[in-house]
Amino acid sequence: LREGLLNAFRVMDAARRHAVPKLLFSSSSVVYGQPSTFPTPEGYGPLLPESIYGASKLSVEAFLSGFAHCYGIRTYLYRFANIIGPFMTHGVIYDFFEKLRRDPSRLEVLGDGRQAKSYLRSEDCVAGMMFIRDHAAEPVNVFNLGARDRISVQEIAERVVAVHGGRARIEYTGGERGWVGDVPRQLLDITRANGSDGPRAVHARRRSTG
């Protein structure tokens, strides 16, 4: 709560006091919970996050909307897919390489490997954010940023093992979810972000994860 909502609220309040015209927020696809519609559009609801992290992101979105309408601060809410790129410190790809570094003979995969999500390179994500900031002009601007398709955890594991020499055996812990609060399937509708009112900054997932 302190690292999410409370710190974000301090930023909002400082922006109000200093007449900052725009605020950009890195939200997440986890605000949708496990949706029943794929690809999932920005207008999907109800928004029922399945983790504390997701609830925190959604809470910040709500406060930003309030600040936008009460104080005239134009707000940009970016709901990210999985963002990957240099200097990663966490995430499935990072975790797989770290596990193989510790034990090159086996790769443990949380869940059954059928979890499937979309991935976006960090530079494409930033390009999309900046384009939307410069061109979208509503009081509150909500955009999904992701890829047009998704890739399974099993396929990622197989690719990482191949890059690592192809000798490690892949072992699955089982179950639909990798952990409590995990959203096993995610695919965002990026029509707005990739259409006439948004940037063409989204690339296929095989470019991102290849």
Protein backbone atom coordinates (compact mmCIF):
# COMPACT_ATOMS: atom_id res chain seq x y z
CA LEU A 1 0.00 0.00 0.00
CA ARG A 2 2.80 2.41 0.93
CA GLU A 3 4.84 1.70 -2.21
CA GLY A 4 1.78 1.80 -4.47
CA LEU A 5 -1.15 4.01 -3.60
CA LEU A 6 0.37 6.23 -0.88
CA ASN A 7 3.49 7.17 -2.85
CA ALA A 8 1.39 7.77 -5.96
CA PHE A 9 -0.95 10.00 -3.96
CA ARG A 10 2.02 12.09 -2.80
CA VAL A 11 3.03 12.59 -6.43
CA MET A 12 -0.53 13.59 -7.36
CA ASP A 13 -0.74 16.08 -4.52
CA ALA A 14 2.63 17.59 -5.45
CA ALA A 15 1.46 17.87 -9.06
CA ARG A 16 -1.67 19.68 -7.89
CA ARG A 17 0.27 22.12 -5.70
CA HIS A 18 2.79 22.91 -8.44
CA ALA A 19 0.28 23.07 -11.33
CA VAL A 20 1.79 20.16 -13.25
CA PRO A 21 -0.26 19.85 -16.46
CA LYS A 22 0.12 16.11 -17.13
CA LEU A 23 0.64 12.91 -15.16
CA LEU A 24 1.63 9.56 -16.71
CA PHE A 25 1.01 6.32 -14.82
CA SER A 26 2.47 2.90 -15.51
CA SER A 27 -0.52 0.68 -14.79
CA SER A 28 -0.87 -2.96 -15.76
CA SER A 29 -3.07 -5.50 -17.47
CA VAL A 30 -3.59 -7.09 -14.04
CA VAL A 31 -6.31 -4.49 -13.31
CA TYR A 32 -8.59 -6.62 -15.54
CA GLY A 33 -8.21 -9.67 -13.30
CA GLN A 34 -8.91 -12.79 -15.37
CA PRO A 35 -11.14 -11.36 -18.09
CA SER A 36 -13.62 -13.33 -20.15
CA THR A 37 -12.98 -11.29 -23.31
CA PHE A 38 -9.84 -11.65 -25.45
CA PRO A 39 -8.35 -9.44 -26.68
CA THR A 40 -9.38 -7.32 -23.69
CA PRO A 41 -10.35 -3.71 -24.52
CA GLU A 42 -9.84 -0.69 -22.27
CA GLY A 43 -13.59 -0.51 -21.62
CA TYR A 44 -13.84 -4.06 -20.25
CA GLY A 45 -15.51 -4.43 -16.86
CA PRO A 46 -16.09 -4.95 -14.09
CA LEU A 47 -12.43 -4.55 -13.12
CA LEU A 48 -11.76 -7.19 -10.47
CA PRO A 49 -8.02 -7.64 -9.83
CA GLU A 50 -6.94 -10.98 -8.40
CA SER A 51 -3.83 -9.73 -6.57
CA ILE A 52 -2.93 -6.96 -4.13
CA TYR A 53 -0.60 -5.59 -6.79
CA GLY A 54 -3.50 -5.35 -9.25
CA ALA A 55 -5.75 -3.77 -6.64
CA SER A 56 -3.07 -1.16 -5.93
CA LYS A 57 -2.75 -0.30 -9.62
CA LEU A 58 -6.51 0.05 -10.00
CA SER A 59 -6.70 2.24 -6.89
CA VAL A 60 -4.09 4.60 -8.29
CA GLU A 61 -6.02 4.77 -11.57
CA ALA A 62 -9.15 5.80 -9.67
CA PHE A 63 -7.36 8.54 -7.72
CA LEU A 64 -5.72 9.85 -10.88
CA SER A 65 -9.12 10.06 -12.55
CA GLY A 66 -10.39 12.05 -9.58
CA PHE A 67 -7.42 14.43 -9.69
CA ALA A 68 -7.84 14.87 -13.44
CA HIS A 69 -11.46 15.96 -13.12
CA CYS A 70 -11.09 17.98 -9.90
CA TYR A 71 -7.82 19.78 -10.61
CA GLY A 72 -7.46 19.78 -14.39
CA ILE A 73 -4.39 17.53 -14.51
CA ARG A 74 -4.49 15.60 -17.78
CA THR A 75 -3.86 11.96 -16.93
CA TYR A 76 -2.50 9.06 -18.96
CA LEU A 77 -3.12 5.52 -17.72
CA TYR A 78 -1.03 2.93 -19.55
CA ARG A 79 -2.09 -0.67 -19.00
CA PHE A 80 0.98 -2.68 -19.88
CA ALA A 81 1.36 -6.24 -21.03
CA ASN A 82 4.61 -7.89 -19.87
CA ILE A 83 7.46 -5.46 -20.59
CA ILE A 84 10.86 -6.94 -21.43
CA GLY A 85 14.24 -5.57 -22.40
CA PRO A 86 17.79 -4.96 -21.17
CA PHE A 87 18.48 -4.70 -17.43
CA MET A 88 15.47 -6.77 -16.38
CA THR A 89 15.40 -7.62 -12.67
CA HIS A 90 12.40 -9.95 -12.59
CA GLY A 91 9.87 -11.72 -14.79
CA VAL A 92 9.63 -15.16 -16.32
CA ILE A 93 12.49 -14.77 -18.83
CA TYR A 94 14.83 -13.34 -16.21
CA ASP A 95 13.84 -16.05 -13.73
CA PHE A 96 14.47 -18.84 -16.24
CA PHE A 97 17.99 -17.64 -17.03
CA GLU A 98 18.74 -17.23 -13.32
CA LYS A 99 17.53 -20.76 -12.57
CA LEU A 100 19.68 -22.21 -15.36
CA ARG A 101 22.66 -20.21 -14.16
CA ARG A 102 22.29 -21.86 -10.75
CA ASP A 103 21.53 -25.34 -12.13
CA PRO A 104 22.14 -25.88 -15.88
CA SER A 105 20.71 -29.41 -15.74
CA ARG A 106 17.06 -28.55 -15.00
CA LEU A 107 14.56 -25.74 -15.34
CA GLU A 108 11.64 -25.62 -12.92
CA VAL A 109 8.55 -23.93 -14.38
CA LEU A 110 5.76 -22.77 -12.07
CA GLY A 111 2.37 -24.02 -13.24
CA ASP A 112 1.64 -26.28 -16.19
CA GLY A 113 3.35 -24.13 -18.83
CA ARG A 114 0.11 -23.28 -20.60
CA GLN A 115 -0.10 -19.78 -19.14
CA ALA A 116 -0.04 -17.44 -22.13
CA LYS A 117 0.59 -13.70 -22.20
CA SER A 118 1.81 -11.00 -24.54
CA TYR A 119 5.17 -9.27 -24.29
CA LEU A 120 6.39 -5.85 -25.43
CA ARG A 121 9.93 -4.54 -25.70
CA SER A 122 10.74 -1.64 -23.39
CA GLU A 123 11.72 0.74 -26.20
CA ASP A 124 8.42 0.11 -27.99
CA CYS A 125 6.56 0.67 -24.74
CA VAL A 126 8.25 4.03 -24.15
CA ALA A 127 7.65 5.10 -27.76
CA GLY A 128 3.97 4.30 -27.36
CA MET A 129 3.73 6.20 -24.09
CA MET A 130 5.33 9.32 -25.55
CA PHE A 131 3.17 9.26 -28.68
CA ILE A 132 -0.01 8.97 -26.63
CA ARG A 133 1.14 11.73 -24.28
CA ASP A 134 1.67 14.06 -27.24
CA HIS A 135 -1.54 13.24 -29.13
CA ALA A 136 -4.29 12.11 -26.73
CA ALA A 137 -6.08 15.03 -25.09
CA GLU A 138 -8.94 13.74 -22.93
CA PRO A 139 -8.93 14.53 -19.20
CA VAL A 140 -8.26 10.82 -18.58
CA ASN A 141 -6.60 8.77 -21.34
CA VAL A 142 -6.59 4.99 -20.89
CA PHE A 143 -4.54 2.90 -23.30
CA ASN A 144 -3.50 -0.74 -23.45
CA LEU A 145 0.09 -1.28 -24.57
CA GLY A 146 1.04 -4.78 -25.63
CA ALA A 147 1.41 -7.10 -28.61
CA ARG A 148 -1.12 -8.53 -31.05
CA ASP A 149 -0.58 -12.11 -29.92
CA ARG A 150 0.73 -14.07 -26.97
CA ILE A 151 3.21 -16.79 -26.17
CA SER A 152 2.99 -19.64 -23.67
CA VAL A 153 5.32 -20.12 -20.73
CA GLN A 154 6.17 -23.54 -22.16
CA GLU A 155 7.39 -21.98 -25.41
CA ILE A 156 9.44 -19.40 -23.53
CA ALA A 157 11.00 -22.16 -21.41
CA GLU A 158 11.90 -24.17 -24.51
CA ARG A 159 13.49 -21.13 -26.15
CA VAL A 160 15.50 -20.24 -23.07
CA VAL A 161 16.75 -23.83 -22.73
CA ALA A 162 17.73 -23.81 -26.41
CA VAL A 163 19.67 -20.57 -26.00
CA HIS A 164 21.34 -22.06 -22.92
CA GLY A 165 22.59 -25.08 -24.86
CA GLY A 166 19.50 -27.28 -25.04
CA ARG A 167 20.53 -29.80 -22.37
CA ALA A 168 18.36 -28.84 -19.40
CA ARG A 169 15.22 -30.84 -18.68
CA ILE A 170 12.06 -28.80 -18.12
CA GLU A 171 10.00 -29.69 -15.04
CA TYR A 172 6.53 -28.25 -14.36
CA THR A 173 5.13 -27.82 -10.86
CA GLY A 174 1.57 -28.23 -12.21
CA GLY A 175 -1.61 -26.24 -11.90
CA GLU A 176 -3.22 -23.57 -14.04
CA ARG A 177 -1.55 -20.68 -12.20
CA GLY A 178 2.10 -20.20 -11.43
CA TRP A 179 1.36 -18.59 -8.05
CA VAL A 180 -1.49 -17.12 -6.00
CA GLY A 181 -2.72 -14.02 -7.80
CA ASP A 182 -1.20 -15.01 -11.14
CA VAL A 183 -3.36 -14.30 -14.20
CA PRO A 184 -2.74 -17.30 -16.46
CA ARG A 185 -4.05 -15.78 -19.69
CA GLN A 186 -3.65 -12.25 -20.97
CA LEU A 187 -4.06 -10.61 -24.35
CA LEU A 188 -4.81 -6.91 -24.61
CA ASP A 189 -6.83 -5.22 -27.32
CA ILE A 190 -4.35 -2.67 -28.68
CA THR A 191 -6.62 -1.24 -31.38
CA ARG A 192 -6.58 2.25 -29.87
CA ALA A 193 -2.82 2.30 -29.26
CA ASN A 194 -2.08 0.96 -32.74
CA GLY A 195 -4.76 2.85 -34.66
CA SER A 196 -5.41 6.32 -35.93
CA ASP A 197 -5.51 7.82 -32.43
CA GLY A 198 -2.41 6.10 -31.13
CA PRO A 199 1.15 5.06 -31.99
CA ARG A 200 2.25 2.27 -34.28
CA ALA A 201 4.74 1.15 -31.67
CA VAL A 202 3.62 -2.43 -31.15
CA HIS A 203 5.57 -5.34 -32.59
CA ALA A 204 4.80 -9.05 -32.80
CA ARG A 205 5.67 -11.11 -29.75
CA ARG A 206 8.18 -13.24 -31.65
CA ARG A 207 10.29 -10.12 -32.12
CA SER A 208 10.03 -9.45 -28.39
CA THR A 209 10.77 -12.95 -27.15
CA GLY A 210 12.87 -14.28 -30.01
